[in-house]
Amino acid sequence: MLVLVVDSSTPAVTAALVEVSADAVATRAHRRTVDARAHGELLAPQVDAALADADARPADLGAIVAGLGPGPFTGLRVGLVTAAAMGQVLGIPTYGVCSLDAVGRPAAAGEPVLAATDARRREIYWAVYDGAGQRLVGPEVSAPSVAAERARGLAVTAAVGDGAYRYADVLGLPVRAEPRWPDATALAALAAERIRANAPGDPLTPLYLRRPDAVAATARKPVLP
């Protein structure tokens, strides 16, 4: 089955076409642009480009996989709205996957690893994975020093992800080179069991972990002094 994968939980805006068969997950096309301020402008063209690269049409898709975050509000919702809209129009299921799982699981190498992405405000989104890639703790958002303390208690030996690069000095852990961003093939692999079973689609609930900066006013302000 041909599956579209989208993720906009980090500055890396990603669209990929992945073939999910009975016993494998293989990438046919992959587009990624790192730009923290252009998720809305980049994602749809990258979906079109990935389809063209794979010589496919939207009607050829059997499912859509979307990274649920955690991620900043504005960027994250671009990927989820795109996936939900396409799924509804095409009449195909959409499946959500924690984006951090697509960073921590590929990095698993027999020992616990900390996966981290940038949450801004001098914080990181993070989770800890065991040597087999199963999530032990998280996802959470906190200062890097808090994540570092929790990681030490879990005998973590390495860190991975863009957040680990940014705060390597605070985390005090060796940083693995890859994956720096959520891996599209890993996202598809994490949803593969549901895809193969033709399971009902997910509601794609975003993992914001904190409230957005902009909030609606709760009371009307008087016009006259």
N, C-alpha and C. Protein backbone atom coordinates (compact mmCIF):
# COMPACT_ATOMS: atom_id res chain seq x y z
N MET A 1 0.84 -1.19 0.00
CA MET A 1 0.00 0.00 0.00
C MET A 1 0.88 1.25 0.00
N LEU A 2 0.52 2.22 -0.81
CA LEU A 2 1.26 3.48 -0.87
C LEU A 2 0.72 4.42 0.21
N VAL A 3 1.63 4.94 1.04
CA VAL A 3 1.25 5.75 2.19
C VAL A 3 1.98 7.08 2.14
N LEU A 4 1.25 8.16 2.38
CA LEU A 4 1.85 9.48 2.51
C LEU A 4 2.21 9.71 3.97
N VAL A 5 3.42 10.20 4.21
CA VAL A 5 3.87 10.53 5.56
C VAL A 5 4.17 12.02 5.62
N VAL A 6 3.61 12.72 6.61
CA VAL A 6 3.89 14.14 6.79
C VAL A 6 4.27 14.40 8.24
N ASP A 7 5.19 15.34 8.44
CA ASP A 7 5.56 15.75 9.79
C ASP A 7 5.98 17.21 9.75
N SER A 8 5.40 18.00 10.66
CA SER A 8 5.75 19.42 10.76
C SER A 8 5.94 19.81 12.22
N SER A 9 6.38 18.85 13.03
CA SER A 9 6.54 19.07 14.46
C SER A 9 7.83 19.81 14.81
N THR A 10 8.76 19.88 13.88
CA THR A 10 10.05 20.53 14.07
C THR A 10 10.30 21.49 12.91
N PRO A 11 11.42 22.20 12.88
CA PRO A 11 11.73 23.02 11.71
C PRO A 11 11.89 22.23 10.42
N ALA A 12 12.05 20.92 10.51
CA ALA A 12 12.19 20.07 9.32
C ALA A 12 10.81 19.69 8.80
N VAL A 13 10.36 20.37 7.75
CA VAL A 13 9.05 20.11 7.16
C VAL A 13 9.20 18.92 6.20
N THR A 14 8.49 17.83 6.49
CA THR A 14 8.74 16.57 5.80
C THR A 14 7.50 16.01 5.12
N ALA A 15 7.69 15.54 3.89
CA ALA A 15 6.66 14.78 3.17
C ALA A 15 7.34 13.61 2.48
N ALA A 16 6.76 12.43 2.58
CA ALA A 16 7.38 11.25 1.98
C ALA A 16 6.31 10.28 1.49
N LEU A 17 6.66 9.50 0.49
CA LEU A 17 5.82 8.42 0.00
C LEU A 17 6.50 7.11 0.39
N VAL A 18 5.76 6.26 1.10
CA VAL A 18 6.31 5.02 1.64
C VAL A 18 5.44 3.85 1.21
N GLU A 19 6.06 2.77 0.80
CA GLU A 19 5.34 1.56 0.43
C GLU A 19 5.33 0.62 1.63
N VAL A 20 4.13 0.30 2.12
CA VAL A 20 3.98 -0.62 3.24
C VAL A 20 3.45 -1.94 2.70
N SER A 21 4.30 -2.97 2.74
CA SER A 21 3.90 -4.29 2.28
C SER A 21 3.68 -5.21 3.48
N ALA A 22 3.44 -6.48 3.22
CA ALA A 22 3.15 -7.42 4.31
C ALA A 22 4.32 -7.59 5.26
N ASP A 23 5.54 -7.38 4.76
CA ASP A 23 6.71 -7.64 5.61
C ASP A 23 7.79 -6.57 5.53
N ALA A 24 7.46 -5.41 4.95
CA ALA A 24 8.49 -4.37 4.82
C ALA A 24 7.87 -2.98 4.73
N VAL A 25 8.72 -1.99 5.01
CA VAL A 25 8.35 -0.58 4.84
C VAL A 25 9.48 0.07 4.06
N ALA A 26 9.19 0.56 2.87
CA ALA A 26 10.24 1.10 1.99
C ALA A 26 9.85 2.48 1.49
N THR A 27 10.80 3.40 1.56
CA THR A 27 10.56 4.77 1.11
C THR A 27 10.73 4.88 -0.40
N ARG A 28 9.75 5.47 -1.07
CA ARG A 28 9.81 5.67 -2.52
C ARG A 28 10.18 7.10 -2.89
N ALA A 29 9.83 8.06 -2.04
CA ALA A 29 10.16 9.47 -2.31
C ALA A 29 10.20 10.20 -0.98
N HIS A 30 11.08 11.19 -0.89
CA HIS A 30 11.25 11.90 0.37
C HIS A 30 11.65 13.35 0.10
N ARG A 31 10.92 14.27 0.73
CA ARG A 31 11.23 15.70 0.62
C ARG A 31 11.30 16.29 2.04
N ARG A 32 12.33 17.07 2.30
CA ARG A 32 12.48 17.72 3.61
C ARG A 32 13.15 19.07 3.43
N THR A 33 12.59 20.09 4.05
CA THR A 33 13.18 21.42 4.07
C THR A 33 13.18 21.92 5.50
N VAL A 34 14.33 22.38 5.97
CA VAL A 34 14.44 22.87 7.34
C VAL A 34 14.23 24.38 7.34
N ASP A 35 13.07 24.79 7.87
CA ASP A 35 12.72 26.20 7.96
C ASP A 35 11.64 26.35 9.02
N ALA A 36 12.00 26.93 10.15
CA ALA A 36 11.07 27.02 11.28
C ALA A 36 9.94 28.00 11.06
N ARG A 37 10.00 28.80 9.99
CA ARG A 37 9.00 29.85 9.79
C ARG A 37 8.14 29.67 8.54
N ALA A 38 8.22 28.51 7.90
CA ALA A 38 7.51 28.38 6.62
C ALA A 38 6.79 27.04 6.48
N HIS A 39 6.29 26.48 7.56
CA HIS A 39 5.59 25.20 7.47
C HIS A 39 4.40 25.27 6.51
N GLY A 40 3.60 26.33 6.65
CA GLY A 40 2.42 26.45 5.81
C GLY A 40 2.73 26.61 4.34
N GLU A 41 3.82 27.31 4.03
CA GLU A 41 4.21 27.52 2.63
C GLU A 41 4.88 26.30 2.02
N LEU A 42 5.52 25.47 2.85
CA LEU A 42 6.36 24.39 2.33
C LEU A 42 5.65 23.04 2.20
N LEU A 43 4.76 22.71 3.13
CA LEU A 43 4.30 21.32 3.19
C LEU A 43 3.53 20.88 1.96
N ALA A 44 2.53 21.64 1.53
CA ALA A 44 1.73 21.21 0.37
C ALA A 44 2.58 21.04 -0.89
N PRO A 45 3.48 22.00 -1.23
CA PRO A 45 4.34 21.78 -2.38
C PRO A 45 5.23 20.55 -2.24
N GLN A 46 5.65 20.25 -1.01
CA GLN A 46 6.49 19.07 -0.83
C GLN A 46 5.70 17.77 -0.99
N VAL A 47 4.43 17.80 -0.60
CA VAL A 47 3.57 16.64 -0.85
C VAL A 47 3.44 16.43 -2.36
N ASP A 48 3.19 17.50 -3.10
CA ASP A 48 3.08 17.41 -4.56
C ASP A 48 4.38 16.88 -5.16
N ALA A 49 5.53 17.38 -4.66
CA ALA A 49 6.82 16.97 -5.20
C ALA A 49 7.09 15.50 -4.91
N ALA A 50 6.75 15.05 -3.71
CA ALA A 50 6.97 13.65 -3.37
C ALA A 50 6.11 12.74 -4.24
N LEU A 51 4.87 13.14 -4.48
CA LEU A 51 4.01 12.36 -5.37
C LEU A 51 4.60 12.29 -6.77
N ALA A 52 5.10 13.43 -7.26
CA ALA A 52 5.71 13.46 -8.60
C ALA A 52 6.96 12.58 -8.64
N ASP A 53 7.78 12.65 -7.60
CA ASP A 53 8.99 11.84 -7.55
C ASP A 53 8.68 10.35 -7.61
N ALA A 54 7.56 9.95 -7.02
CA ALA A 54 7.17 8.54 -7.00
C ALA A 54 6.28 8.17 -8.17
N ASP A 55 6.04 9.14 -9.08
CA ASP A 55 5.16 8.92 -10.22
C ASP A 55 3.79 8.42 -9.75
N ALA A 56 3.25 9.13 -8.74
CA ALA A 56 1.98 8.71 -8.15
C ALA A 56 1.01 9.89 -8.11
N ARG A 57 -0.25 9.57 -7.88
CA ARG A 57 -1.30 10.58 -7.74
C ARG A 57 -1.93 10.44 -6.36
N PRO A 58 -2.61 11.47 -5.88
CA PRO A 58 -3.29 11.33 -4.59
C PRO A 58 -4.24 10.13 -4.54
N ALA A 59 -4.88 9.83 -5.67
CA ALA A 59 -5.82 8.71 -5.69
C ALA A 59 -5.13 7.37 -5.47
N ASP A 60 -3.80 7.32 -5.63
CA ASP A 60 -3.06 6.08 -5.42
C ASP A 60 -2.80 5.80 -3.94
N LEU A 61 -3.02 6.78 -3.08
CA LEU A 61 -2.72 6.63 -1.66
C LEU A 61 -3.74 5.74 -0.97
N GLY A 62 -3.23 4.90 -0.06
CA GLY A 62 -4.12 4.04 0.72
C GLY A 62 -4.28 4.49 2.15
N ALA A 63 -3.37 5.35 2.62
CA ALA A 63 -3.42 5.84 3.99
C ALA A 63 -2.47 7.02 4.13
N ILE A 64 -2.63 7.75 5.23
CA ILE A 64 -1.75 8.87 5.54
C ILE A 64 -1.28 8.71 6.98
N VAL A 65 0.02 8.93 7.21
CA VAL A 65 0.60 8.90 8.55
C VAL A 65 1.10 10.31 8.87
N ALA A 66 0.76 10.80 10.05
CA ALA A 66 1.16 12.15 10.44
C ALA A 66 1.85 12.13 11.80
N GLY A 67 2.92 12.92 11.91
CA GLY A 67 3.58 13.10 13.20
C GLY A 67 2.72 13.98 14.09
N LEU A 68 2.41 13.50 15.29
CA LEU A 68 1.54 14.21 16.22
C LEU A 68 2.28 15.20 17.10
N GLY A 69 3.60 15.28 16.96
CA GLY A 69 4.38 16.10 17.86
C GLY A 69 4.95 15.25 18.97
N PRO A 70 5.37 15.89 20.06
CA PRO A 70 5.11 17.27 20.43
C PRO A 70 5.84 18.27 19.54
N GLY A 71 5.26 19.47 19.48
CA GLY A 71 5.85 20.52 18.68
C GLY A 71 5.16 21.84 18.94
N PRO A 72 5.78 22.94 18.53
CA PRO A 72 5.16 24.26 18.68
C PRO A 72 3.81 24.31 17.95
N PHE A 73 2.89 25.06 18.50
CA PHE A 73 1.50 25.07 18.05
C PHE A 73 1.35 25.36 16.56
N THR A 74 1.92 26.46 16.09
CA THR A 74 1.67 26.91 14.72
C THR A 74 2.18 25.91 13.69
N GLY A 75 3.42 25.45 13.85
CA GLY A 75 3.98 24.52 12.88
C GLY A 75 3.31 23.17 12.91
N LEU A 76 3.08 22.64 14.10
CA LEU A 76 2.53 21.29 14.22
C LEU A 76 1.17 21.16 13.58
N ARG A 77 0.32 22.17 13.76
CA ARG A 77 -1.04 22.05 13.23
C ARG A 77 -1.07 22.03 11.71
N VAL A 78 -0.05 22.56 11.05
CA VAL A 78 -0.01 22.55 9.58
C VAL A 78 -0.04 21.11 9.07
N GLY A 79 0.82 20.27 9.61
CA GLY A 79 0.88 18.88 9.16
C GLY A 79 -0.39 18.11 9.48
N LEU A 80 -0.94 18.35 10.66
CA LEU A 80 -2.13 17.61 11.07
C LEU A 80 -3.36 18.03 10.28
N VAL A 81 -3.50 19.33 10.03
CA VAL A 81 -4.63 19.79 9.21
C VAL A 81 -4.50 19.28 7.78
N THR A 82 -3.29 19.29 7.25
CA THR A 82 -3.07 18.79 5.89
C THR A 82 -3.44 17.31 5.80
N ALA A 83 -2.95 16.52 6.76
CA ALA A 83 -3.23 15.08 6.75
C ALA A 83 -4.73 14.82 6.91
N ALA A 84 -5.38 15.52 7.84
CA ALA A 84 -6.80 15.30 8.07
C ALA A 84 -7.64 15.69 6.86
N ALA A 85 -7.30 16.82 6.23
CA ALA A 85 -8.05 17.27 5.06
C ALA A 85 -7.89 16.31 3.89
N MET A 86 -6.66 15.88 3.64
CA MET A 86 -6.45 14.94 2.53
C MET A 86 -7.13 13.61 2.80
N GLY A 87 -7.06 13.14 4.03
CA GLY A 87 -7.71 11.88 4.36
C GLY A 87 -9.20 11.94 4.14
N GLN A 88 -9.81 13.07 4.52
CA GLN A 88 -11.26 13.22 4.36
C GLN A 88 -11.64 13.29 2.88
N VAL A 89 -10.88 14.07 2.12
CA VAL A 89 -11.19 14.23 0.69
C VAL A 89 -11.01 12.92 -0.07
N LEU A 90 -9.94 12.19 0.26
CA LEU A 90 -9.63 10.96 -0.46
C LEU A 90 -10.38 9.74 0.10
N GLY A 91 -10.97 9.90 1.28
CA GLY A 91 -11.70 8.79 1.88
C GLY A 91 -10.78 7.68 2.36
N ILE A 92 -9.61 8.05 2.89
CA ILE A 92 -8.64 7.06 3.37
C ILE A 92 -8.31 7.34 4.84
N PRO A 93 -7.86 6.33 5.57
CA PRO A 93 -7.59 6.52 7.00
C PRO A 93 -6.32 7.33 7.24
N THR A 94 -6.30 8.04 8.36
CA THR A 94 -5.12 8.76 8.80
C THR A 94 -4.68 8.19 10.14
N TYR A 95 -3.38 8.03 10.31
CA TYR A 95 -2.83 7.44 11.53
C TYR A 95 -1.81 8.38 12.15
N GLY A 96 -1.92 8.62 13.44
CA GLY A 96 -1.00 9.51 14.13
C GLY A 96 0.08 8.74 14.87
N VAL A 97 1.28 9.31 14.88
CA VAL A 97 2.42 8.72 15.58
C VAL A 97 3.14 9.83 16.33
N CYS A 98 3.55 9.58 17.54
CA CYS A 98 4.37 10.54 18.28
C CYS A 98 5.65 10.80 17.51
N SER A 99 5.90 12.06 17.16
CA SER A 99 7.07 12.39 16.33
C SER A 99 8.38 12.04 17.02
N LEU A 100 8.45 12.18 18.35
CA LEU A 100 9.68 11.83 19.06
C LEU A 100 10.01 10.34 18.93
N ASP A 101 8.98 9.50 18.77
CA ASP A 101 9.24 8.07 18.59
C ASP A 101 10.03 7.81 17.31
N ALA A 102 9.83 8.68 16.32
CA ALA A 102 10.55 8.54 15.05
C ALA A 102 11.96 9.12 15.11
N VAL A 103 12.33 9.65 16.26
CA VAL A 103 13.72 10.07 16.52
C VAL A 103 14.40 9.06 17.43
N GLY A 104 13.72 8.70 18.53
CA GLY A 104 14.32 7.81 19.51
C GLY A 104 14.39 6.35 19.08
N ARG A 105 13.35 5.86 18.40
CA ARG A 105 13.36 4.44 18.03
C ARG A 105 14.48 4.09 17.05
N PRO A 106 14.70 4.88 15.98
CA PRO A 106 15.80 4.53 15.07
C PRO A 106 17.18 4.63 15.72
N ALA A 107 17.27 5.42 16.80
CA ALA A 107 18.57 5.60 17.46
C ALA A 107 18.87 4.53 18.49
N ALA A 108 17.90 3.68 18.80
CA ALA A 108 18.10 2.66 19.81
C ALA A 108 19.22 1.70 19.39
N ALA A 109 20.15 1.50 20.31
CA ALA A 109 21.30 0.64 20.00
C ALA A 109 21.69 -0.21 21.21
N GLY A 110 20.69 -0.77 21.88
CA GLY A 110 20.97 -1.67 22.98
C GLY A 110 21.01 -1.01 24.34
N GLU A 111 21.03 0.34 24.39
CA GLU A 111 21.07 1.05 25.67
C GLU A 111 20.09 2.22 25.62
N PRO A 112 19.62 2.69 26.77
CA PRO A 112 18.65 3.79 26.78
C PRO A 112 19.19 5.05 26.11
N VAL A 113 18.31 5.75 25.38
CA VAL A 113 18.69 6.96 24.67
C VAL A 113 17.65 8.05 24.94
N LEU A 114 18.10 9.28 25.03
CA LEU A 114 17.22 10.44 25.18
C LEU A 114 17.01 11.06 23.82
N ALA A 115 15.76 11.22 23.40
CA ALA A 115 15.42 11.92 22.14
C ALA A 115 14.86 13.28 22.49
N ALA A 116 15.35 14.33 21.83
CA ALA A 116 14.93 15.68 22.18
C ALA A 116 14.80 16.55 20.94
N THR A 117 13.75 17.38 20.91
CA THR A 117 13.59 18.39 19.87
C THR A 117 13.41 19.75 20.55
N ASP A 118 13.60 20.80 19.79
CA ASP A 118 13.56 22.14 20.35
C ASP A 118 12.13 22.58 20.62
N ALA A 119 11.86 23.02 21.85
CA ALA A 119 10.53 23.50 22.22
C ALA A 119 10.48 25.01 22.35
N ARG A 120 11.60 25.68 22.01
CA ARG A 120 11.72 27.13 22.19
C ARG A 120 11.62 27.47 23.69
N ARG A 121 11.66 28.75 24.01
CA ARG A 121 11.63 29.21 25.41
C ARG A 121 12.73 28.55 26.25
N ARG A 122 13.82 28.15 25.62
CA ARG A 122 14.94 27.47 26.28
C ARG A 122 14.51 26.15 26.91
N GLU A 123 13.55 25.48 26.25
CA GLU A 123 13.08 24.18 26.70
C GLU A 123 13.18 23.17 25.56
N ILE A 124 13.02 21.89 25.90
CA ILE A 124 13.02 20.84 24.90
C ILE A 124 11.81 19.93 25.12
N TYR A 125 11.34 19.34 24.02
CA TYR A 125 10.43 18.22 24.09
C TYR A 125 11.31 16.97 24.13
N TRP A 126 11.01 16.05 25.02
CA TRP A 126 11.92 14.91 25.15
C TRP A 126 11.20 13.64 25.61
N ALA A 127 11.85 12.52 25.35
CA ALA A 127 11.40 11.21 25.82
C ALA A 127 12.61 10.31 25.91
N VAL A 128 12.50 9.27 26.71
CA VAL A 128 13.58 8.30 26.87
C VAL A 128 13.12 6.95 26.32
N TYR A 129 14.01 6.29 25.59
CA TYR A 129 13.72 5.00 24.95
C TYR A 129 14.72 3.95 25.42
N ASP A 130 14.23 2.71 25.56
CA ASP A 130 15.14 1.64 25.96
C ASP A 130 15.93 1.15 24.75
N GLY A 131 16.77 0.16 24.96
CA GLY A 131 17.65 -0.31 23.89
C GLY A 131 16.93 -0.91 22.71
N ALA A 132 15.66 -1.27 22.90
CA ALA A 132 14.87 -1.83 21.79
C ALA A 132 14.00 -0.78 21.12
N GLY A 133 14.10 0.47 21.59
CA GLY A 133 13.33 1.54 20.97
C GLY A 133 11.96 1.78 21.56
N GLN A 134 11.66 1.13 22.68
CA GLN A 134 10.36 1.35 23.33
C GLN A 134 10.44 2.55 24.26
N ARG A 135 9.42 3.40 24.21
CA ARG A 135 9.43 4.60 25.04
C ARG A 135 9.23 4.25 26.52
N LEU A 136 10.16 4.75 27.35
CA LEU A 136 10.11 4.53 28.79
C LEU A 136 9.47 5.70 29.53
N VAL A 137 9.78 6.92 29.10
CA VAL A 137 9.31 8.13 29.75
C VAL A 137 8.98 9.17 28.69
N GLY A 138 7.92 9.94 28.91
CA GLY A 138 7.59 11.02 28.01
C GLY A 138 6.46 10.67 27.04
N PRO A 139 6.16 11.59 26.14
CA PRO A 139 6.88 12.85 25.90
C PRO A 139 6.58 13.91 26.95
N GLU A 140 7.59 14.73 27.24
CA GLU A 140 7.47 15.82 28.20
C GLU A 140 8.13 17.06 27.64
N VAL A 141 7.81 18.21 28.25
CA VAL A 141 8.47 19.45 27.89
C VAL A 141 9.05 20.04 29.17
N SER A 142 10.32 20.44 29.12
CA SER A 142 10.96 20.98 30.32
C SER A 142 12.27 21.64 29.92
N ALA A 143 12.92 22.24 30.91
CA ALA A 143 14.27 22.76 30.69
C ALA A 143 15.21 21.59 30.44
N PRO A 144 16.24 21.76 29.62
CA PRO A 144 17.19 20.66 29.36
C PRO A 144 17.80 20.09 30.63
N SER A 145 18.01 20.92 31.64
CA SER A 145 18.61 20.43 32.88
C SER A 145 17.70 19.42 33.58
N VAL A 146 16.39 19.63 33.51
CA VAL A 146 15.44 18.70 34.10
C VAL A 146 15.49 17.37 33.35
N ALA A 147 15.49 17.44 32.03
CA ALA A 147 15.58 16.21 31.22
C ALA A 147 16.88 15.47 31.50
N ALA A 148 17.97 16.21 31.67
CA ALA A 148 19.26 15.59 31.93
C ALA A 148 19.25 14.82 33.24
N GLU A 149 18.64 15.41 34.26
CA GLU A 149 18.57 14.74 35.56
C GLU A 149 17.74 13.46 35.48
N ARG A 150 16.60 13.54 34.79
CA ARG A 150 15.77 12.34 34.62
C ARG A 150 16.51 11.28 33.82
N ALA A 151 17.25 11.70 32.80
CA ALA A 151 17.98 10.75 31.96
C ALA A 151 19.05 10.01 32.76
N ARG A 152 19.74 10.73 33.62
CA ARG A 152 20.77 10.08 34.45
C ARG A 152 20.16 9.01 35.33
N GLY A 153 18.96 9.26 35.85
CA GLY A 153 18.30 8.27 36.68
C GLY A 153 17.88 7.02 35.93
N LEU A 154 17.81 7.12 34.61
CA LEU A 154 17.43 5.98 33.77
C LEU A 154 18.62 5.37 33.04
N ALA A 155 19.82 5.76 33.45
CA ALA A 155 21.06 5.21 32.90
C ALA A 155 21.18 5.45 31.40
N VAL A 156 20.69 6.60 30.94
CA VAL A 156 20.80 6.95 29.52
C VAL A 156 22.26 7.22 29.17
N THR A 157 22.69 6.70 28.02
CA THR A 157 24.09 6.83 27.63
C THR A 157 24.32 7.74 26.43
N ALA A 158 23.25 8.18 25.77
CA ALA A 158 23.41 9.03 24.59
C ALA A 158 22.14 9.82 24.36
N ALA A 159 22.26 10.88 23.57
CA ALA A 159 21.11 11.70 23.20
C ALA A 159 21.06 11.84 21.69
N VAL A 160 19.87 12.14 21.17
CA VAL A 160 19.69 12.25 19.72
C VAL A 160 18.61 13.28 19.45
N GLY A 161 18.67 13.90 18.27
CA GLY A 161 17.67 14.87 17.88
C GLY A 161 18.20 16.29 17.92
N ASP A 162 17.48 17.21 17.27
CA ASP A 162 17.93 18.59 17.18
C ASP A 162 18.04 19.24 18.55
N GLY A 163 17.14 18.90 19.46
CA GLY A 163 17.22 19.44 20.81
C GLY A 163 18.48 19.01 21.53
N ALA A 164 18.93 17.79 21.26
CA ALA A 164 20.18 17.31 21.86
C ALA A 164 21.37 18.10 21.32
N TYR A 165 21.35 18.43 20.02
CA TYR A 165 22.42 19.26 19.44
C TYR A 165 22.45 20.64 20.11
N ARG A 166 21.29 21.22 20.25
CA ARG A 166 21.22 22.59 20.76
C ARG A 166 21.67 22.70 22.21
N TYR A 167 21.39 21.66 22.99
CA TYR A 167 21.66 21.74 24.43
C TYR A 167 22.60 20.63 24.89
N ALA A 168 23.52 20.26 24.04
CA ALA A 168 24.45 19.18 24.37
C ALA A 168 25.26 19.49 25.62
N ASP A 169 25.62 20.76 25.80
CA ASP A 169 26.43 21.11 26.97
C ASP A 169 25.67 20.93 28.27
N VAL A 170 24.36 21.18 28.25
CA VAL A 170 23.54 21.02 29.45
C VAL A 170 23.20 19.55 29.69
N LEU A 171 22.89 18.83 28.63
CA LEU A 171 22.51 17.42 28.77
C LEU A 171 23.69 16.57 29.22
N GLY A 172 24.89 16.93 28.78
CA GLY A 172 26.08 16.20 29.20
C GLY A 172 26.13 14.77 28.69
N LEU A 173 25.58 14.52 27.52
CA LEU A 173 25.56 13.19 26.93
C LEU A 173 26.16 13.22 25.53
N PRO A 174 26.80 12.14 25.08
CA PRO A 174 27.22 12.06 23.69
C PRO A 174 26.01 12.18 22.77
N VAL A 175 26.14 12.96 21.70
CA VAL A 175 25.02 13.18 20.78
C VAL A 175 25.23 12.35 19.52
N ARG A 176 24.26 11.52 19.19
CA ARG A 176 24.33 10.72 17.96
C ARG A 176 23.92 11.58 16.77
N ALA A 177 24.57 11.34 15.66
CA ALA A 177 24.37 12.19 14.48
C ALA A 177 22.98 12.05 13.88
N GLU A 178 22.44 10.85 13.88
CA GLU A 178 21.16 10.60 13.21
C GLU A 178 20.26 9.72 14.07
N PRO A 179 18.94 9.95 13.91
CA PRO A 179 18.30 11.00 13.12
C PRO A 179 18.22 12.31 13.91
N ARG A 180 18.46 13.39 13.22
CA ARG A 180 18.33 14.69 13.87
C ARG A 180 16.87 15.14 13.90
N TRP A 181 16.11 14.71 12.89
CA TRP A 181 14.70 15.08 12.75
C TRP A 181 13.85 13.81 12.73
N PRO A 182 12.53 13.90 12.96
CA PRO A 182 11.68 12.72 12.85
C PRO A 182 11.84 12.03 11.50
N ASP A 183 12.09 10.74 11.54
CA ASP A 183 12.37 9.96 10.34
C ASP A 183 11.06 9.46 9.71
N ALA A 184 10.84 9.78 8.44
CA ALA A 184 9.58 9.44 7.78
C ALA A 184 9.36 7.94 7.70
N THR A 185 10.41 7.18 7.41
CA THR A 185 10.27 5.72 7.34
C THR A 185 9.91 5.15 8.70
N ALA A 186 10.51 5.70 9.75
CA ALA A 186 10.19 5.25 11.10
C ALA A 186 8.75 5.57 11.47
N LEU A 187 8.27 6.75 11.07
CA LEU A 187 6.86 7.10 11.32
C LEU A 187 5.94 6.07 10.67
N ALA A 188 6.23 5.71 9.42
CA ALA A 188 5.40 4.73 8.72
C ALA A 188 5.51 3.36 9.38
N ALA A 189 6.72 2.98 9.80
CA ALA A 189 6.90 1.68 10.45
C ALA A 189 6.12 1.59 11.75
N LEU A 190 6.06 2.71 12.48
CA LEU A 190 5.33 2.72 13.75
C LEU A 190 3.82 2.60 13.54
N ALA A 191 3.35 2.95 12.37
CA ALA A 191 1.92 2.82 12.05
C ALA A 191 1.63 1.61 11.19
N ALA A 192 2.66 0.85 10.81
CA ALA A 192 2.50 -0.22 9.82
C ALA A 192 1.51 -1.29 10.25
N GLU A 193 1.51 -1.64 11.53
CA GLU A 193 0.59 -2.68 11.98
C GLU A 193 -0.86 -2.26 11.77
N ARG A 194 -1.16 -1.00 12.08
CA ARG A 194 -2.52 -0.49 11.87
C ARG A 194 -2.85 -0.42 10.38
N ILE A 195 -1.87 -0.02 9.58
CA ILE A 195 -2.09 0.09 8.14
C ILE A 195 -2.41 -1.27 7.54
N ARG A 196 -1.60 -2.28 7.89
CA ARG A 196 -1.80 -3.63 7.34
C ARG A 196 -3.14 -4.23 7.77
N ALA A 197 -3.60 -3.85 8.96
CA ALA A 197 -4.87 -4.38 9.47
C ALA A 197 -6.07 -3.58 8.98
N ASN A 198 -5.80 -2.53 8.17
CA ASN A 198 -6.88 -1.65 7.72
C ASN A 198 -7.69 -1.13 8.90
N ALA A 199 -6.99 -0.76 9.96
CA ALA A 199 -7.63 -0.27 11.18
C ALA A 199 -8.30 1.08 10.92
N PRO A 200 -9.32 1.42 11.68
CA PRO A 200 -9.94 2.75 11.53
C PRO A 200 -8.91 3.85 11.77
N GLY A 201 -9.09 4.96 11.09
CA GLY A 201 -8.16 6.06 11.24
C GLY A 201 -8.25 6.72 12.60
N ASP A 202 -7.21 7.51 12.94
CA ASP A 202 -7.13 8.22 14.21
C ASP A 202 -7.65 9.65 14.06
N PRO A 203 -8.05 10.28 15.17
CA PRO A 203 -8.50 11.67 15.11
C PRO A 203 -7.36 12.68 14.99
N LEU A 204 -6.11 12.25 15.06
CA LEU A 204 -4.93 13.12 14.92
C LEU A 204 -4.92 14.24 15.96
N THR A 205 -4.96 13.85 17.21
CA THR A 205 -4.91 14.80 18.31
C THR A 205 -3.47 15.26 18.54
N PRO A 206 -3.20 16.55 18.43
CA PRO A 206 -1.82 17.03 18.55
C PRO A 206 -1.30 16.95 19.98
N LEU A 207 0.00 16.68 20.10
CA LEU A 207 0.67 16.66 21.40
C LEU A 207 1.34 18.02 21.61
N TYR A 208 0.57 19.00 22.02
CA TYR A 208 1.13 20.33 22.23
C TYR A 208 1.93 20.40 23.54
N LEU A 209 1.47 19.70 24.56
CA LEU A 209 2.08 19.63 25.89
C LEU A 209 2.02 20.93 26.68
N ARG A 210 1.74 22.04 26.04
CA ARG A 210 1.54 23.29 26.76
C ARG A 210 0.60 24.17 25.95
N ARG A 211 0.09 25.19 26.58
CA ARG A 211 -0.87 26.05 25.91
C ARG A 211 -0.17 26.95 24.89
N PRO A 212 -0.91 27.35 23.82
CA PRO A 212 -0.32 28.27 22.84
C PRO A 212 -0.07 29.64 23.45
N ASP A 213 0.86 30.39 22.84
CA ASP A 213 1.16 31.74 23.32
C ASP A 213 -0.05 32.66 23.20
N ALA A 214 -0.78 32.55 22.10
CA ALA A 214 -1.94 33.42 21.86
C ALA A 214 -3.20 32.75 22.42
N VAL A 215 -3.93 33.45 23.24
CA VAL A 215 -5.17 32.92 23.80
C VAL A 215 -6.29 33.93 23.60
N ALA A 216 -7.51 33.44 23.51
CA ALA A 216 -8.66 34.31 23.34
C ALA A 216 -8.93 35.08 24.63
N ALA A 217 -9.39 36.30 24.49
CA ALA A 217 -9.71 37.11 25.65
C ALA A 217 -10.90 36.48 26.39
N THR A 218 -10.85 36.49 27.70
CA THR A 218 -11.92 35.89 28.49
C THR A 218 -12.98 36.89 28.92
N ALA A 219 -12.70 38.17 28.77
CA ALA A 219 -13.68 39.19 29.15
C ALA A 219 -13.58 40.38 28.22
N ARG A 220 -14.66 41.07 28.03
CA ARG A 220 -14.67 42.24 27.17
C ARG A 220 -14.09 43.45 27.91
N LYS A 221 -13.30 44.21 27.21
CA LYS A 221 -12.72 45.42 27.79
C LYS A 221 -13.65 46.59 27.51
N PRO A 222 -13.83 47.47 28.48
CA PRO A 222 -14.71 48.65 28.25
C PRO A 222 -14.11 49.58 27.21
N VAL A 223 -14.98 50.10 26.36
CA VAL A 223 -14.53 51.03 25.32
C VAL A 223 -14.35 52.42 25.89
N LEU A 224 -15.26 52.81 26.77
CA LEU A 224 -15.21 54.15 27.35
C LEU A 224 -14.42 54.13 28.65
N PRO A 225 -13.74 55.22 28.99
CA PRO A 225 -13.00 55.30 30.24
C PRO A 225 -13.95 55.35 31.43
